[in-house]
Amino acid sequence: MNIFTWTPLEIAANVMTAICIFLAGRNSIHTWWTGIVSALLYGVMFFNVQLYADATLQGFFIVTGVLGWMAWKTRSNAVLPVSNVNPKQGALYISAALIVGAIYASILHKYTDAYAPWIDSTVLVLSVVAQILLMRKQIETWMVWFVVNTLCVPLFWSRELYLTSIMYGFFWVNAIVSYIHWKNIQKEQPV
């Protein structure tokens, strides 16, 4: 096992994702176009290692990258404020994610040669929830990303995507730092 065997595709995907995640944590609108580029790169990489749910997720990230870019800039060019999810909405998101994740994992398990379809599908659905929250600038996005990153580190390591696994370890830390940063932004916002 050589953890320093990285493909150019994995390196490029991780560099773009690192930039995207850093910019998201810093509340920068440039997170969106860098995320679109990283999703294209990761989509190919994940498909090549049979992480089909993660490959599918990249298509979602491309679409939401465009939508998030538009959402973060309102028609008046005002910046979208950081907000919170109301509890009912949060419960709905999590419930839907669990149901859809179980269905998707079952399909992958039965009809494909997917590696770790249950964990991979959980990453997919929680990432969808986190991305929706990010598009809306809802601070709970960072809590969900924390869980996603916790699952991704061992999953990617097990597929010998060592650089990606290490980067997700950094993203795990970034989720904590970004949550604190967004909390501070939220406190300073006009009511």
C-alpha atoms as a PDB file:
ATOM      1  CA  MET A   1       0.000   0.000   0.000  1.00  0.00           C
ATOM      2  CA  ASN A   2       1.530   3.247  -1.150  1.00  0.00           C
ATOM      3  CA  ILE A   3      -0.500   6.249  -0.045  1.00  0.00           C
ATOM      4  CA  PHE A   4       1.561   8.509  -2.297  1.00  0.00           C
ATOM      5  CA  THR A   5       0.260   6.985  -5.530  1.00  0.00           C
ATOM      6  CA  TRP A   6      -2.111   9.657  -6.732  1.00  0.00           C
ATOM      7  CA  THR A   7      -3.444  10.124 -10.221  1.00  0.00           C
ATOM      8  CA  PRO A   8      -3.420  13.542 -11.874  1.00  0.00           C
ATOM      9  CA  LEU A   9      -7.230  13.374 -11.854  1.00  0.00           C
ATOM     10  CA  GLU A  10      -7.341  12.808  -8.097  1.00  0.00           C
ATOM     11  CA  ILE A  11      -4.870  15.634  -7.507  1.00  0.00           C
ATOM     12  CA  ALA A  12      -6.815  18.081  -9.703  1.00  0.00           C
ATOM     13  CA  ALA A  13     -10.159  17.123  -8.130  1.00  0.00           C
ATOM     14  CA  ASN A  14      -8.782  17.591  -4.634  1.00  0.00           C
ATOM     15  CA  VAL A  15      -7.114  20.919  -5.371  1.00  0.00           C
ATOM     16  CA  MET A  16     -10.310  22.352  -6.849  1.00  0.00           C
ATOM     17  CA  THR A  17     -12.416  20.951  -4.023  1.00  0.00           C
ATOM     18  CA  ALA A  18     -10.061  22.349  -1.399  1.00  0.00           C
ATOM     19  CA  ILE A  19     -10.397  25.791  -2.975  1.00  0.00           C
ATOM     20  CA  CYS A  20     -14.186  25.401  -3.169  1.00  0.00           C
ATOM     21  CA  ILE A  21     -14.547  24.280   0.457  1.00  0.00           C
ATOM     22  CA  PHE A  22     -12.232  27.010   1.720  1.00  0.00           C
ATOM     23  CA  LEU A  23     -14.215  29.653  -0.174  1.00  0.00           C
ATOM     24  CA  ALA A  24     -17.544  28.286   1.119  1.00  0.00           C
ATOM     25  CA  GLY A  25     -16.286  28.464   4.683  1.00  0.00           C
ATOM     26  CA  ARG A  26     -15.210  32.043   4.077  1.00  0.00           C
ATOM     27  CA  ASN A  27     -18.640  32.967   2.715  1.00  0.00           C
ATOM     28  CA  SER A  28     -17.297  33.663  -0.815  1.00  0.00           C
ATOM     29  CA  ILE A  29     -19.526  33.400  -3.864  1.00  0.00           C
ATOM     30  CA  HIS A  30     -16.554  31.963  -5.804  1.00  0.00           C
ATOM     31  CA  THR A  31     -17.186  28.680  -4.005  1.00  0.00           C
ATOM     32  CA  TRP A  32     -19.787  27.894  -6.669  1.00  0.00           C
ATOM     33  CA  TRP A  33     -17.769  27.940  -9.906  1.00  0.00           C
ATOM     34  CA  THR A  34     -14.841  26.162  -8.258  1.00  0.00           C
ATOM     35  CA  GLY A  35     -17.310  23.570  -7.000  1.00  0.00           C
ATOM     36  CA  ILE A  36     -18.631  22.979 -10.510  1.00  0.00           C
ATOM     37  CA  VAL A  37     -15.117  22.276 -11.792  1.00  0.00           C
ATOM     38  CA  SER A  38     -14.307  19.971  -8.869  1.00  0.00           C
ATOM     39  CA  ALA A  39     -17.588  18.075  -9.332  1.00  0.00           C
ATOM     40  CA  LEU A  40     -16.751  17.362 -12.968  1.00  0.00           C
ATOM     41  CA  LEU A  41     -13.363  15.963 -11.974  1.00  0.00           C
ATOM     42  CA  TYR A  42     -14.651  13.944  -9.025  1.00  0.00           C
ATOM     43  CA  GLY A  43     -17.517  12.537 -11.087  1.00  0.00           C
ATOM     44  CA  VAL A  44     -15.098  10.808 -13.419  1.00  0.00           C
ATOM     45  CA  MET A  45     -12.850   9.650 -10.568  1.00  0.00           C
ATOM     46  CA  PHE A  46     -15.648   8.162  -8.436  1.00  0.00           C
ATOM     47  CA  PHE A  47     -17.181   6.367 -11.399  1.00  0.00           C
ATOM     48  CA  ASN A  48     -13.798   4.782 -12.132  1.00  0.00           C
ATOM     49  CA  VAL A  49     -13.618   3.275  -8.599  1.00  0.00           C
ATOM     50  CA  GLN A  50     -17.229   2.043  -8.507  1.00  0.00           C
ATOM     51  CA  LEU A  51     -18.522   4.647  -6.064  1.00  0.00           C
ATOM     52  CA  TYR A  52     -21.590   5.243  -8.199  1.00  0.00           C
ATOM     53  CA  ALA A  53     -23.598   7.161  -5.617  1.00  0.00           C
ATOM     54  CA  ASP A  54     -20.696   9.575  -5.222  1.00  0.00           C
ATOM     55  CA  ALA A  55     -20.420   9.844  -9.011  1.00  0.00           C
ATOM     56  CA  THR A  56     -24.149  10.617  -9.224  1.00  0.00           C
ATOM     57  CA  LEU A  57     -23.758  13.176  -6.465  1.00  0.00           C
ATOM     58  CA  GLN A  58     -21.313  15.135  -8.613  1.00  0.00           C
ATOM     59  CA  GLY A  59     -24.035  15.752 -11.208  1.00  0.00           C
ATOM     60  CA  PHE A  60     -26.183  17.158  -8.424  1.00  0.00           C
ATOM     61  CA  PHE A  61     -23.276  19.390  -7.342  1.00  0.00           C
ATOM     62  CA  ILE A  62     -22.931  20.762 -10.864  1.00  0.00           C
ATOM     63  CA  VAL A  63     -26.608  21.722 -11.043  1.00  0.00           C
ATOM     64  CA  THR A  64     -26.664  23.147  -7.516  1.00  0.00           C
ATOM     65  CA  GLY A  65     -23.434  24.965  -8.212  1.00  0.00           C
ATOM     66  CA  VAL A  66     -25.247  27.034 -10.803  1.00  0.00           C
ATOM     67  CA  LEU A  67     -28.323  27.459  -8.583  1.00  0.00           C
ATOM     68  CA  GLY A  68     -26.256  28.287  -5.506  1.00  0.00           C
ATOM     69  CA  TRP A  69     -24.287  30.882  -7.421  1.00  0.00           C
ATOM     70  CA  MET A  70     -27.552  32.569  -8.381  1.00  0.00           C
ATOM     71  CA  ALA A  71     -29.054  32.210  -4.876  1.00  0.00           C
ATOM     72  CA  TRP A  72     -26.118  33.826  -3.126  1.00  0.00           C
ATOM     73  CA  LYS A  73     -26.601  36.939  -5.216  1.00  0.00           C
ATOM     74  CA  THR A  74     -30.073  38.410  -5.023  1.00  0.00           C
ATOM     75  CA  ARG A  75     -31.561  40.563  -7.763  1.00  0.00           C
ATOM     76  CA  SER A  76     -30.625  43.686  -5.848  1.00  0.00           C
ATOM     77  CA  ASN A  77     -26.986  42.454  -5.601  1.00  0.00           C
ATOM     78  CA  ALA A  78     -27.397  42.205  -1.834  1.00  0.00           C
ATOM     79  CA  VAL A  79     -25.615  39.290  -0.202  1.00  0.00           C
ATOM     80  CA  LEU A  80     -27.791  36.457   1.110  1.00  0.00           C
ATOM     81  CA  PRO A  81     -27.585  36.456   4.929  1.00  0.00           C
ATOM     82  CA  VAL A  82     -26.555  33.449   7.029  1.00  0.00           C
ATOM     83  CA  SER A  83     -29.640  31.904   8.629  1.00  0.00           C
ATOM     84  CA  ASN A  84     -30.847  28.827  10.538  1.00  0.00           C
ATOM     85  CA  VAL A  85     -33.007  25.891   9.519  1.00  0.00           C
ATOM     86  CA  ASN A  86     -36.303  25.707  11.349  1.00  0.00           C
ATOM     87  CA  PRO A  87     -36.704  22.400  13.248  1.00  0.00           C
ATOM     88  CA  LYS A  88     -39.592  21.095  11.115  1.00  0.00           C
ATOM     89  CA  GLN A  89     -37.644  21.710   7.931  1.00  0.00           C
ATOM     90  CA  GLY A  90     -34.582  20.009   9.408  1.00  0.00           C
ATOM     91  CA  ALA A  91     -36.605  16.948  10.430  1.00  0.00           C
ATOM     92  CA  LEU A  92     -38.096  16.767   6.940  1.00  0.00           C
ATOM     93  CA  TYR A  93     -34.653  16.916   5.314  1.00  0.00           C
ATOM     94  CA  ILE A  94     -33.236  14.157   7.506  1.00  0.00           C
ATOM     95  CA  SER A  95     -36.305  11.918   7.142  1.00  0.00           C
ATOM     96  CA  ALA A  96     -36.302  12.269   3.364  1.00  0.00           C
ATOM     97  CA  ALA A  97     -32.553  11.629   3.251  1.00  0.00           C
ATOM     98  CA  LEU A  98     -32.887   8.400   5.241  1.00  0.00           C
ATOM     99  CA  ILE A  99     -35.701   7.081   3.054  1.00  0.00           C
ATOM    100  CA  VAL A 100     -34.092   8.027  -0.265  1.00  0.00           C
ATOM    101  CA  GLY A 101     -30.717   6.749   0.929  1.00  0.00           C
ATOM    102  CA  ALA A 102     -32.146   3.350   1.836  1.00  0.00           C
ATOM    103  CA  ILE A 103     -33.933   3.039  -1.504  1.00  0.00           C
ATOM    104  CA  TYR A 104     -30.866   4.100  -3.512  1.00  0.00           C
ATOM    105  CA  ALA A 105     -28.560   1.798  -1.538  1.00  0.00           C
ATOM    106  CA  SER A 106     -30.926  -1.123  -2.142  1.00  0.00           C
ATOM    107  CA  ILE A 107     -30.921  -0.435  -5.880  1.00  0.00           C
ATOM    108  CA  LEU A 108     -27.137  -0.168  -6.013  1.00  0.00           C
ATOM    109  CA  HIS A 109     -26.740  -3.319  -3.924  1.00  0.00           C
ATOM    110  CA  LYS A 110     -29.105  -5.355  -6.072  1.00  0.00           C
ATOM    111  CA  TYR A 111     -28.331  -4.115  -9.583  1.00  0.00           C
ATOM    112  CA  THR A 112     -24.701  -2.943  -9.665  1.00  0.00           C
ATOM    113  CA  ASP A 113     -21.220  -3.899  -8.584  1.00  0.00           C
ATOM    114  CA  ALA A 114     -21.120  -0.810  -6.338  1.00  0.00           C
ATOM    115  CA  TYR A 115     -18.601  -0.799  -3.538  1.00  0.00           C
ATOM    116  CA  ALA A 116     -20.129  -0.066  -0.081  1.00  0.00           C
ATOM    117  CA  PRO A 117     -23.545   0.962  -1.452  1.00  0.00           C
ATOM    118  CA  TRP A 118     -25.007   1.721   1.998  1.00  0.00           C
ATOM    119  CA  ILE A 119     -22.264   4.092   3.116  1.00  0.00           C
ATOM    120  CA  ASP A 120     -21.916   5.546  -0.371  1.00  0.00           C
ATOM    121  CA  SER A 121     -25.660   6.237  -0.538  1.00  0.00           C
ATOM    122  CA  THR A 122     -25.639   7.789   2.929  1.00  0.00           C
ATOM    123  CA  VAL A 123     -22.867  10.130   1.776  1.00  0.00           C
ATOM    124  CA  LEU A 124     -24.961  10.987  -1.277  1.00  0.00           C
ATOM    125  CA  VAL A 125     -28.172  11.879   0.552  1.00  0.00           C
ATOM    126  CA  LEU A 126     -26.504  13.759   3.397  1.00  0.00           C
ATOM    127  CA  SER A 127     -24.421  15.681   0.873  1.00  0.00           C
ATOM    128  CA  VAL A 128     -27.613  16.657  -0.939  1.00  0.00           C
ATOM    129  CA  VAL A 129     -29.057  17.963   2.341  1.00  0.00           C
ATOM    130  CA  ALA A 130     -25.825  19.812   3.160  1.00  0.00           C
ATOM    131  CA  GLN A 131     -25.675  21.349  -0.319  1.00  0.00           C
ATOM    132  CA  ILE A 132     -29.281  22.575  -0.109  1.00  0.00           C
ATOM    133  CA  LEU A 133     -28.489  24.166   3.255  1.00  0.00           C
ATOM    134  CA  LEU A 134     -25.326  25.718   1.791  1.00  0.00           C
ATOM    135  CA  MET A 135     -27.298  27.169  -1.131  1.00  0.00           C
ATOM    136  CA  ARG A 136     -29.637  28.777   1.387  1.00  0.00           C
ATOM    137  CA  LYS A 137     -26.717  29.883   3.576  1.00  0.00           C
ATOM    138  CA  GLN A 138     -28.125  27.985   6.533  1.00  0.00           C
ATOM    139  CA  ILE A 139     -25.503  27.431   9.188  1.00  0.00           C
ATOM    140  CA  GLU A 140     -26.500  23.814   9.838  1.00  0.00           C
ATOM    141  CA  THR A 141     -24.836  22.961   6.516  1.00  0.00           C
ATOM    142  CA  TRP A 142     -21.551  22.669   8.406  1.00  0.00           C
ATOM    143  CA  MET A 143     -22.947  20.132  10.888  1.00  0.00           C
ATOM    144  CA  VAL A 144     -24.139  17.926   8.050  1.00  0.00           C
ATOM    145  CA  TRP A 145     -20.828  18.318   6.185  1.00  0.00           C
ATOM    146  CA  PHE A 146     -19.086  17.251   9.394  1.00  0.00           C
ATOM    147  CA  VAL A 147     -21.031  13.960   9.346  1.00  0.00           C
ATOM    148  CA  VAL A 148     -20.438  13.488   5.611  1.00  0.00           C
ATOM    149  CA  ASN A 149     -16.700  14.019   6.024  1.00  0.00           C
ATOM    150  CA  THR A 150     -16.634  11.572   8.928  1.00  0.00           C
ATOM    151  CA  LEU A 151     -18.082   8.899   6.625  1.00  0.00           C
ATOM    152  CA  CYS A 152     -15.957   9.817   3.599  1.00  0.00           C
ATOM    153  CA  VAL A 153     -12.527   9.502   5.209  1.00  0.00           C
ATOM    154  CA  PRO A 154     -12.660   5.715   5.762  1.00  0.00           C
ATOM    155  CA  LEU A 155     -14.752   5.101   2.622  1.00  0.00           C
ATOM    156  CA  PHE A 156     -12.274   6.779   0.299  1.00  0.00           C
ATOM    157  CA  TRP A 157      -9.306   5.245   2.108  1.00  0.00           C
ATOM    158  CA  SER A 158     -10.795   1.785   1.533  1.00  0.00           C
ATOM    159  CA  ARG A 159     -10.864   2.497  -2.239  1.00  0.00           C
ATOM    160  CA  GLU A 160      -7.209   3.580  -2.141  1.00  0.00           C
ATOM    161  CA  LEU A 161      -8.145   7.200  -2.780  1.00  0.00           C
ATOM    162  CA  TYR A 162      -5.631   8.214  -0.155  1.00  0.00           C
ATOM    163  CA  LEU A 163      -5.230  11.842  -1.146  1.00  0.00           C
ATOM    164  CA  THR A 164      -8.997  12.272  -1.255  1.00  0.00           C
ATOM    165  CA  SER A 165      -9.349  10.613   2.141  1.00  0.00           C
ATOM    166  CA  ILE A 166      -6.696  12.891   3.642  1.00  0.00           C
ATOM    167  CA  MET A 167      -8.365  15.946   2.094  1.00  0.00           C
ATOM    168  CA  TYR A 168     -11.703  14.947   3.595  1.00  0.00           C
ATOM    169  CA  GLY A 169      -9.940  14.789   6.946  1.00  0.00           C
ATOM    170  CA  PHE A 170      -9.020  18.437   6.397  1.00  0.00           C
ATOM    171  CA  PHE A 171     -12.600  19.157   5.297  1.00  0.00           C
ATOM    172  CA  TRP A 172     -13.745  17.620   8.573  1.00  0.00           C
ATOM    173  CA  VAL A 173     -11.714  20.258  10.424  1.00  0.00           C
ATOM    174  CA  ASN A 174     -12.867  22.935   7.988  1.00  0.00           C
ATOM    175  CA  ALA A 175     -16.509  22.130   8.793  1.00  0.00           C
ATOM    176  CA  ILE A 176     -15.860  22.997  12.434  1.00  0.00           C
ATOM    177  CA  VAL A 177     -13.911  26.163  11.612  1.00  0.00           C
ATOM    178  CA  SER A 178     -16.496  27.253   9.036  1.00  0.00           C
ATOM    179  CA  TYR A 179     -19.369  26.687  11.453  1.00  0.00           C
ATOM    180  CA  ILE A 180     -17.674  28.989  13.965  1.00  0.00           C
ATOM    181  CA  HIS A 181     -16.904  31.551  11.232  1.00  0.00           C
ATOM    182  CA  TRP A 182     -20.506  31.561   9.988  1.00  0.00           C
ATOM    183  CA  LYS A 183     -21.773  31.887  13.571  1.00  0.00           C
ATOM    184  CA  ASN A 184     -19.663  35.023  13.910  1.00  0.00           C
ATOM    185  CA  ILE A 185     -20.958  36.371  10.594  1.00  0.00           C
ATOM    186  CA  GLN A 186     -24.498  35.671  11.730  1.00  0.00           C
ATOM    187  CA  LYS A 187     -23.967  37.624  14.979  1.00  0.00           C
ATOM    188  CA  GLU A 188     -22.686  40.643  13.046  1.00  0.00           C
ATOM    189  CA  GLN A 189     -25.493  40.697  10.473  1.00  0.00           C
ATOM    190  CA  PRO A 190     -28.215  43.318  10.724  1.00  0.00           C
ATOM    191  CA  VAL A 191     -31.410  41.744  12.038  1.00  0.00           C
END
